[in-house]
Structure formats: structure tokens, C-alpha cells
C-alpha atoms as a PDB file:
ATOM      1  CA  MET A   1      34.646  98.686 119.240  1.00  0.00           C
ATOM      2  CA  GLU A   2      36.236  99.501 122.593  1.00  0.00           C
ATOM      3  CA  SER A   3      34.098  98.502 125.561  1.00  0.00           C
ATOM      4  CA  HIS A   4      35.943 100.725 128.025  1.00  0.00           C
ATOM      5  CA  PRO A   5      36.680 104.452 128.017  1.00  0.00           C
ATOM      6  CA  LEU A   6      39.932 105.685 126.529  1.00  0.00           C
ATOM      7  CA  ILE A   7      40.632 107.741 129.633  1.00  0.00           C
ATOM      8  CA  VAL A   8      42.867 106.452 132.403  1.00  0.00           C
ATOM      9  CA  GLU A   9      41.796 107.718 135.808  1.00  0.00           C
ATOM     10  CA  LEU A  10      44.852 108.812 137.750  1.00  0.00           C
ATOM     11  CA  VAL A  11      44.292 107.919 141.401  1.00  0.00           C
ATOM     12  CA  SER A  12      47.770 108.813 142.663  1.00  0.00           C
ATOM     13  CA  VAL A  13      51.272 109.725 141.456  1.00  0.00           C
ATOM     14  CA  ASN A  14      53.970 108.166 143.636  1.00  0.00           C
ATOM     15  CA  VAL A  15      57.741 108.658 143.870  1.00  0.00           C
ATOM     16  CA  SER A  16      60.598 107.743 146.217  1.00  0.00           C
ATOM     17  CA  GLN A  17      64.314 107.860 146.775  1.00  0.00           C
ATOM     18  CA  PRO A  18      66.216 104.637 147.537  1.00  0.00           C
ATOM     19  CA  GLU A  19      66.233 103.552 151.180  1.00  0.00           C
ATOM     20  CA  ILE A  20      67.174 100.440 153.118  1.00  0.00           C
ATOM     21  CA  ILE A  21      64.152  98.121 153.246  1.00  0.00           C
ATOM     22  CA  GLY A  22      65.694  95.179 155.105  1.00  0.00           C
ATOM     23  CA  LYS A  23      68.568  92.694 155.035  1.00  0.00           C
ATOM     24  CA  TYR A  24      69.254  89.769 152.717  1.00  0.00           C
ATOM     25  CA  ARG A  25      71.932  87.252 153.729  1.00  0.00           C
ATOM     26  CA  GLY A  26      73.129  89.740 156.285  1.00  0.00           C
ATOM     27  CA  GLN A  27      73.509  92.581 153.811  1.00  0.00           C
ATOM     28  CA  PRO A  28      71.354  95.753 153.814  1.00  0.00           C
ATOM     29  CA  ILE A  29      69.074  96.021 150.789  1.00  0.00           C
ATOM     30  CA  LEU A  30      68.675  99.432 149.203  1.00  0.00           C
ATOM     31  CA  SER A  31      65.566  99.975 147.080  1.00  0.00           C
ATOM     32  CA  GLY A  32      63.279 102.649 145.707  1.00  0.00           C
ATOM     33  CA  VAL A  33      60.218 100.395 145.962  1.00  0.00           C
ATOM     34  CA  LYS A  34      58.589 102.334 148.811  1.00  0.00           C
ATOM     35  CA  LYS A  35      56.734 104.905 146.725  1.00  0.00           C
ATOM     36  CA  ARG A  36      54.726 107.638 148.407  1.00  0.00           C
ATOM     37  CA  PRO A  37      51.962 109.811 146.945  1.00  0.00           C
ATOM     38  CA  VAL A  38      53.123 113.208 145.696  1.00  0.00           C
ATOM     39  CA  GLY A  39      51.699 116.197 147.505  1.00  0.00           C
ATOM     40  CA  GLY A  40      52.066 119.947 147.407  1.00  0.00           C
ATOM     41  CA  VAL A  41      52.760 120.290 143.698  1.00  0.00           C
ATOM     42  CA  GLY A  42      50.561 120.446 140.622  1.00  0.00           C
ATOM     43  CA  THR A  43      52.988 119.087 138.033  1.00  0.00           C
ATOM     44  CA  LEU A  44      56.186 117.068 137.763  1.00  0.00           C
ATOM     45  CA  PHE A  45      58.680 116.701 134.953  1.00  0.00           C
ATOM     46  CA  LEU A  46      58.819 113.304 133.296  1.00  0.00           C
ATOM     47  CA  ALA A  47      62.226 112.651 131.727  1.00  0.00           C
ATOM     48  CA  ASN A  48      63.185 109.695 129.540  1.00  0.00           C
ATOM     49  CA  ASP A  49      63.889 107.471 132.515  1.00  0.00           C
ATOM     50  CA  ASN A  50      62.273 108.967 135.620  1.00  0.00           C
ATOM     51  CA  LEU A  51      59.773 111.307 137.210  1.00  0.00           C
ATOM     52  CA  THR A  52      61.033 114.227 139.265  1.00  0.00           C
ATOM     53  CA  GLY A  53      61.780 112.958 142.765  1.00  0.00           C
ATOM     54  CA  ASP A  54      61.915 109.286 141.799  1.00  0.00           C
ATOM     55  CA  ARG A  55      65.000 107.058 141.706  1.00  0.00           C
ATOM     56  CA  GLN A  56      65.896 103.377 141.604  1.00  0.00           C
ATOM     57  CA  ALA A  57      68.722 101.768 143.575  1.00  0.00           C
ATOM     58  CA  ASP A  58      69.848  98.878 141.348  1.00  0.00           C
ATOM     59  CA  LEU A  59      69.837 100.054 137.748  1.00  0.00           C
ATOM     60  CA  ARG A  60      70.877  96.606 136.505  1.00  0.00           C
ATOM     61  CA  VAL A  61      67.331  95.338 136.990  1.00  0.00           C
ATOM     62  CA  HIS A  62      65.206  98.421 137.772  1.00  0.00           C
ATOM     63  CA  GLY A  63      64.655 101.682 135.960  1.00  0.00           C
ATOM     64  CA  GLY A  64      65.952 102.523 132.510  1.00  0.00           C
ATOM     65  CA  PRO A  65      64.062 103.513 129.360  1.00  0.00           C
ATOM     66  CA  ASP A  66      61.794 100.435 129.283  1.00  0.00           C
ATOM     67  CA  LYS A  67      60.942 100.739 132.986  1.00  0.00           C
ATOM     68  CA  ALA A  68      60.640 104.507 133.208  1.00  0.00           C
ATOM     69  CA  VAL A  69      57.120 104.545 134.678  1.00  0.00           C
ATOM     70  CA  TYR A  70      55.278 101.752 136.452  1.00  0.00           C
ATOM     71  CA  ALA A  71      51.467 101.745 136.506  1.00  0.00           C
ATOM     72  CA  TYR A  72      49.291  99.627 138.775  1.00  0.00           C
ATOM     73  CA  PRO A  73      45.490  99.256 138.898  1.00  0.00           C
ATOM     74  CA  SER A  74      43.901 100.489 142.126  1.00  0.00           C
ATOM     75  CA  GLU A  75      41.217  97.827 141.690  1.00  0.00           C
ATOM     76  CA  HIS A  76      43.783  95.223 142.755  1.00  0.00           C
ATOM     77  CA  LEU A  77      44.265  96.722 146.214  1.00  0.00           C
ATOM     78  CA  PRO A  78      41.039  95.380 147.844  1.00  0.00           C
ATOM     79  CA  PRO A  79      41.724  91.741 146.851  1.00  0.00           C
ATOM     80  CA  TRP A  80      45.336  92.022 148.025  1.00  0.00           C
ATOM     81  CA  ASN A  81      44.137  93.359 151.369  1.00  0.00           C
ATOM     82  CA  ALA A  82      41.581  90.548 151.645  1.00  0.00           C
ATOM     83  CA  GLU A  83      44.049  87.801 150.715  1.00  0.00           C
ATOM     84  CA  LEU A  84      47.143  88.891 152.603  1.00  0.00           C
ATOM     85  CA  THR A  85      45.575  90.866 155.483  1.00  0.00           C
ATOM     86  CA  PRO A  86      48.581  93.146 156.008  1.00  0.00           C
ATOM     87  CA  ASP A  87      49.063  95.012 159.293  1.00  0.00           C
ATOM     88  CA  THR A  88      49.091  98.214 157.242  1.00  0.00           C
ATOM     89  CA  PRO A  89      46.509  98.043 154.416  1.00  0.00           C
ATOM     90  CA  PHE A  90      47.952  98.168 150.927  1.00  0.00           C
ATOM     91  CA  GLY A  91      47.351 101.538 149.272  1.00  0.00           C
ATOM     92  CA  PRO A  92      48.711 103.705 146.439  1.00  0.00           C
ATOM     93  CA  GLY A  93      52.441 103.162 146.004  1.00  0.00           C
ATOM     94  CA  THR A  94      52.531  99.883 147.962  1.00  0.00           C
ATOM     95  CA  PHE A  95      53.599  97.873 144.931  1.00  0.00           C
ATOM     96  CA  GLY A  96      56.267 100.366 143.916  1.00  0.00           C
ATOM     97  CA  GLU A  97      54.120 101.962 141.241  1.00  0.00           C
ATOM     98  CA  ASN A  98      54.544 105.512 140.011  1.00  0.00           C
ATOM     99  CA  LEU A  99      50.969 105.677 138.769  1.00  0.00           C
ATOM    100  CA  THR A 100      48.079 104.185 140.681  1.00  0.00           C
ATOM    101  CA  VAL A 101      45.318 104.082 138.061  1.00  0.00           C
ATOM    102  CA  ALA A 102      41.665 103.063 137.729  1.00  0.00           C
ATOM    103  CA  GLY A 103      39.512 101.770 134.900  1.00  0.00           C
ATOM    104  CA  TRP A 104      42.216  99.729 133.190  1.00  0.00           C
ATOM    105  CA  ASN A 105      43.762  96.397 134.037  1.00  0.00           C
ATOM    106  CA  GLU A 106      46.008  93.721 132.549  1.00  0.00           C
ATOM    107  CA  GLU A 107      43.178  92.273 130.449  1.00  0.00           C
ATOM    108  CA  ASN A 108      42.461  95.476 128.514  1.00  0.00           C
ATOM    109  CA  ALA A 109      45.782  97.353 128.608  1.00  0.00           C
ATOM    110  CA  ARG A 110      47.952  96.312 125.679  1.00  0.00           C
ATOM    111  CA  ILE A 111      51.622  96.261 124.843  1.00  0.00           C
ATOM    112  CA  GLY A 112      51.995  99.170 122.430  1.00  0.00           C
ATOM    113  CA  ASP A 113      49.224 101.345 123.897  1.00  0.00           C
ATOM    114  CA  VAL A 114      50.245 104.992 123.751  1.00  0.00           C
ATOM    115  CA  TRP A 115      49.262 107.321 126.583  1.00  0.00           C
ATOM    116  CA  THR A 116      49.293 111.098 126.575  1.00  0.00           C
ATOM    117  CA  TRP A 117      49.798 112.605 130.011  1.00  0.00           C
ATOM    118  CA  GLY A 118      50.145 116.352 130.108  1.00  0.00           C
ATOM    119  CA  ASP A 119      52.947 117.226 127.694  1.00  0.00           C
ATOM    120  CA  ALA A 120      54.417 113.718 127.828  1.00  0.00           C
ATOM    121  CA  ILE A 121      53.776 110.702 125.629  1.00  0.00           C
ATOM    122  CA  LEU A 122      54.289 107.170 126.960  1.00  0.00           C
ATOM    123  CA  GLN A 123      53.947 103.624 125.637  1.00  0.00           C
ATOM    124  CA  ILE A 124      53.180 100.381 127.471  1.00  0.00           C
ATOM    125  CA  CYS A 125      56.097  98.050 126.796  1.00  0.00           C
ATOM    126  CA  GLN A 126      56.081  95.168 129.325  1.00  0.00           C
ATOM    127  CA  PRO A 127      54.445  93.707 132.424  1.00  0.00           C
ATOM    128  CA  ARG A 128      56.147  93.934 135.797  1.00  0.00           C
ATOM    129  CA  TYR A 129      58.007  90.809 136.922  1.00  0.00           C
ATOM    130  CA  PRO A 130      58.139  90.678 140.748  1.00  0.00           C
ATOM    131  CA  CYS A 131      61.416  90.329 142.629  1.00  0.00           C
ATOM    132  CA  PHE A 132      62.267  89.532 146.247  1.00  0.00           C
ATOM    133  CA  LYS A 133      62.284  93.214 147.188  1.00  0.00           C
ATOM    134  CA  LEU A 134      58.495  93.336 146.808  1.00  0.00           C
ATOM    135  CA  SER A 135      58.149  90.490 149.304  1.00  0.00           C
ATOM    136  CA  MET A 136      60.586  92.205 151.631  1.00  0.00           C
ATOM    137  CA  THR A 137      58.885  95.596 151.617  1.00  0.00           C
ATOM    138  CA  THR A 138      55.344  94.180 151.963  1.00  0.00           C
ATOM    139  CA  GLY A 139      56.349  91.616 154.575  1.00  0.00           C
ATOM    140  CA  ARG A 140      54.553  88.921 152.586  1.00  0.00           C
ATOM    141  CA  PRO A 141      56.848  86.224 151.061  1.00  0.00           C
ATOM    142  CA  VAL A 142      54.045  84.909 148.829  1.00  0.00           C
ATOM    143  CA  VAL A 143      53.257  88.223 147.142  1.00  0.00           C
ATOM    144  CA  GLY A 144      55.462  87.673 144.073  1.00  0.00           C
ATOM    145  CA  LYS A 145      54.112  84.192 143.422  1.00  0.00           C
ATOM    146  CA  ARG A 146      50.542  85.421 143.887  1.00  0.00           C
ATOM    147  CA  MET A 147      51.142  88.344 141.550  1.00  0.00           C
ATOM    148  CA  LEU A 148      52.016  85.955 138.734  1.00  0.00           C
ATOM    149  CA  GLU A 149      49.220  83.508 139.562  1.00  0.00           C
ATOM    150  CA  THR A 150      46.561  86.227 139.556  1.00  0.00           C
ATOM    151  CA  LEU A 151      48.044  88.276 136.666  1.00  0.00           C
ATOM    152  CA  ARG A 152      47.951  91.343 138.921  1.00  0.00           C
ATOM    153  CA  ASN A 153      51.336  92.495 137.641  1.00  0.00           C
ATOM    154  CA  GLY A 154      50.764  96.040 136.460  1.00  0.00           C
ATOM    155  CA  TRP A 155      52.859  97.333 133.568  1.00  0.00           C
ATOM    156  CA  TYR A 156      55.811  99.509 132.639  1.00  0.00           C
ATOM    157  CA  LEU A 157      55.767 102.367 130.167  1.00  0.00           C
ATOM    158  CA  ARG A 158      58.604 103.899 128.171  1.00  0.00           C
ATOM    159  CA  VAL A 159      58.695 107.633 127.551  1.00  0.00           C
ATOM    160  CA  LEU A 160      58.332 108.598 123.899  1.00  0.00           C
ATOM    161  CA  GLN A 161      58.247 112.323 124.634  1.00  0.00           C
ATOM    162  CA  PRO A 162      59.328 113.901 127.946  1.00  0.00           C
ATOM    163  CA  GLY A 163      57.325 116.768 129.393  1.00  0.00           C
ATOM    164  CA  GLU A 164      55.466 118.327 132.295  1.00  0.00           C
ATOM    165  CA  VAL A 165      52.759 116.062 133.698  1.00  0.00           C
ATOM    166  CA  PRO A 166      49.874 116.872 136.076  1.00  0.00           C
ATOM    167  CA  VAL A 167      49.716 114.881 139.298  1.00  0.00           C
ATOM    168  CA  ARG A 168      45.934 114.700 139.005  1.00  0.00           C
ATOM    169  CA  GLY A 169      45.595 113.621 135.378  1.00  0.00           C
ATOM    170  CA  PRO A 170      43.806 112.902 133.221  1.00  0.00           C
ATOM    171  CA  ILE A 171      45.660 110.427 131.016  1.00  0.00           C
ATOM    172  CA  THR A 172      44.342 109.642 127.543  1.00  0.00           C
ATOM    173  CA  VAL A 173      44.896 106.434 125.598  1.00  0.00           C
ATOM    174  CA  ALA A 174      45.807 107.907 122.211  1.00  0.00           C
ATOM    175  CA  GLU A 175      46.691 104.689 120.345  1.00  0.00           C
ATOM    176  CA  ARG A 176      46.032 100.987 120.886  1.00  0.00           C
ATOM    177  CA  GLY A 177      48.472  98.145 120.593  1.00  0.00           C
ATOM    178  CA  PRO A 178      47.613  94.831 118.875  1.00  0.00           C
ATOM    179  CA  GLU A 179      44.404  93.293 120.181  1.00  0.00           C
ATOM    180  CA  HIS A 180      46.061  90.029 121.216  1.00  0.00           C
ATOM    181  CA  ALA A 181      48.936  91.759 123.009  1.00  0.00           C
ATOM    182  CA  THR A 182      47.282  92.391 126.359  1.00  0.00           C
ATOM    183  CA  VAL A 183      49.515  92.762 129.372  1.00  0.00           C
ATOM    184  CA  ALA A 184      47.839  89.654 130.787  1.00  0.00           C
ATOM    185  CA  ASN A 185      48.729  87.642 127.678  1.00  0.00           C
ATOM    186  CA  ALA A 186      52.319  88.862 127.909  1.00  0.00           C
ATOM    187  CA  VAL A 187      52.443  87.399 131.426  1.00  0.00           C
ATOM    188  CA  ARG A 188      50.646  84.198 130.384  1.00  0.00           C
ATOM    189  CA  ALA A 189      53.207  83.668 127.624  1.00  0.00           C
ATOM    190  CA  LEU A 190      55.964  83.522 130.239  1.00  0.00           C
ATOM    191  CA  LEU A 191      54.190  81.124 132.595  1.00  0.00           C
ATOM    192  CA  PRO A 192      54.586  77.320 132.541  1.00  0.00           C
ATOM    193  CA  ARG A 193      52.527  75.448 129.964  1.00  0.00           C
ATOM    194  CA  SER A 194      51.979  78.498 127.763  1.00  0.00           C
ATOM    195  CA  SER A 195      51.478  77.689 124.107  1.00  0.00           C
ATOM    196  CA  ARG A 196      54.161  78.164 121.492  1.00  0.00           C
ATOM    197  CA  ASP A 197      51.692  80.219 119.444  1.00  0.00           C
ATOM    198  CA  LEU A 198      51.130  82.650 122.303  1.00  0.00           C
ATOM    199  CA  ILE A 199      54.847  83.005 122.977  1.00  0.00           C
ATOM    200  CA  GLU A 200      55.531  83.760 119.328  1.00  0.00           C
ATOM    201  CA  ALA A 201      52.575  86.155 119.043  1.00  0.00           C
ATOM    202  CA  ILE A 202      53.710  88.230 122.023  1.00  0.00           C
ATOM    203  CA  ALA A 203      57.404  88.103 121.116  1.00  0.00           C
ATOM    204  CA  SER A 204      56.588  89.495 117.659  1.00  0.00           C
ATOM    205  CA  VAL A 205      55.013  92.712 119.017  1.00  0.00           C
ATOM    206  CA  ASP A 206      57.298  95.565 117.998  1.00  0.00           C
ATOM    207  CA  ALA A 207      56.658  97.632 121.127  1.00  0.00           C
ATOM    208  CA  LEU A 208      57.553  94.803 123.532  1.00  0.00           C
ATOM    209  CA  ALA A 209      60.592  95.563 125.717  1.00  0.00           C
ATOM    210  CA  VAL A 210      63.727  93.689 124.660  1.00  0.00           C
ATOM    211  CA  ASN A 211      64.244  92.025 128.032  1.00  0.00           C
ATOM    212  CA  TRP A 212      60.702  90.554 128.067  1.00  0.00           C
ATOM    213  CA  ARG A 213      61.139  89.317 124.503  1.00  0.00           C
ATOM    214  CA  ASP A 214      64.453  87.738 125.475  1.00  0.00           C
ATOM    215  CA  MET A 215      62.805  85.931 128.418  1.00  0.00           C
ATOM    216  CA  LEU A 216      60.106  84.569 126.110  1.00  0.00           C
ATOM    217  CA  LEU A 217      62.583  83.397 123.491  1.00  0.00           C
ATOM    218  CA  GLU A 218      64.792  81.796 126.150  1.00  0.00           C
ATOM    219  CA  LYS A 219      61.770  79.991 127.574  1.00  0.00           C
ATOM    220  CA  GLN A 220      60.828  78.787 124.111  1.00  0.00           C
ATOM    221  CA  ALA A 221      64.362  77.560 123.418  1.00  0.00           C
ATOM    222  CA  VAL A 222      64.544  75.630 126.705  1.00  0.00           C
ATOM    223  CA  GLU A 223      61.163  73.979 126.116  1.00  0.00           C
ATOM    224  CA  SER A 224      62.188  73.012 122.574  1.00  0.00           C
ATOM    225  CA  GLN A 225      65.172  70.987 123.783  1.00  0.00           C
END
């Protein structure tokens, strides 16, 4: 029996257009990571790869069908603020998330969970893997490493059915993925010293994004040599 409600509290919906966030090796870095809460509208349209008003800069590694919407638990913000003591406190959108949510985290959200949000239907398909742009925009070089260590990754959802979505929720968890396939376990499977059984169990989940499965299988192959 589920020990948590099958309602996702929507704290904030956040979008952005790409902007220069800094320089890397002397070159300007363009990114859509600086999300800002939506205001002044009641609904947005969620397409197969983006919310209205949201864009990614480098489509080789960001965006696309298996990274259409990024959700992040608001419960993680207080510990981040305590650990990294940023000049500007971390708030909704800080981690580049489209949906700042409450009541669900990486230990109870599962790969394969299906969410209904307004007229749209979404499915959790992979955790977020941090890149250098997160460190650049937060001004904290350790943030990516800490995200993996603490399993505070958040997760991406693919869009199964586009539609109009309310910026103030609610979101309902309509279907559950396999019990073992938590977002946290999907991250654990990729970390050093993960077990072969866990890697294989996560890689076998049908709803898992292809790129995360490929990373797991590559890790397994390297460790088998």
C-alpha cells in the first residue's frame, strides 16, 4: 500500500529562454538553466518537448522528448541553502527545473510513474545528471558532485500526451512504475561500486530513457573488463 499521497503538490512552474551565464575557456556559455517562476497566466501549453516560454540552448545534451520537463523537490532547497550558503538563497527554478514540487522525492518517485497534469500526461523516465552549467549558474563548483552524493537529482519526464496545463496544479500520479525502480536507485546504479544486480534491474525498466540505459550498460561493460 502506498504510504504517501498520489497527489503532487505543484509549488512553482518555471521557464526560461537561453541566456549567457558565464564563460568557459574564454567562450561565452549560453544556457536555459536560469528558470524563473511563471506569473500572470493561468495555463501553459505543454508540447512534446517543451512548455510554452521554455527553451534549451544545447539540444545535444539538453531538452528533447526524454528531457521535456524537469521536476525538482522543494524539500531539497533548505539543505542546499544550509550546505552551500549562497549569496542569493536557492529557490524555485534555481536548479533549472520546470516544476518545483512537494511531497515526492527520489526515494518514492519511480521510473515509469505516469502523471496527469491538466490535459497533459507525462511519465518519469530518468534522473537528472548534473553538468558544469549548474555549477556555473549557482556559483558553487561542488554542486554537481554534491547532487550525486546526496541523490538530490530530481527527475525528467517525457510527454505522453500534450495539452494545456495549469500553473497551480494539481498533478495526479495516475500509474506507478516498478517498485524497485525509484529515481534514487536509478542514480545509485550509475555510481561507483553499484551492484551488477541493481544495474541490470534498472536497465531492464521499459520506461527508462535510452541515454540513461546506455550509460548503465557502458558502466557495466567497463567494470566487466
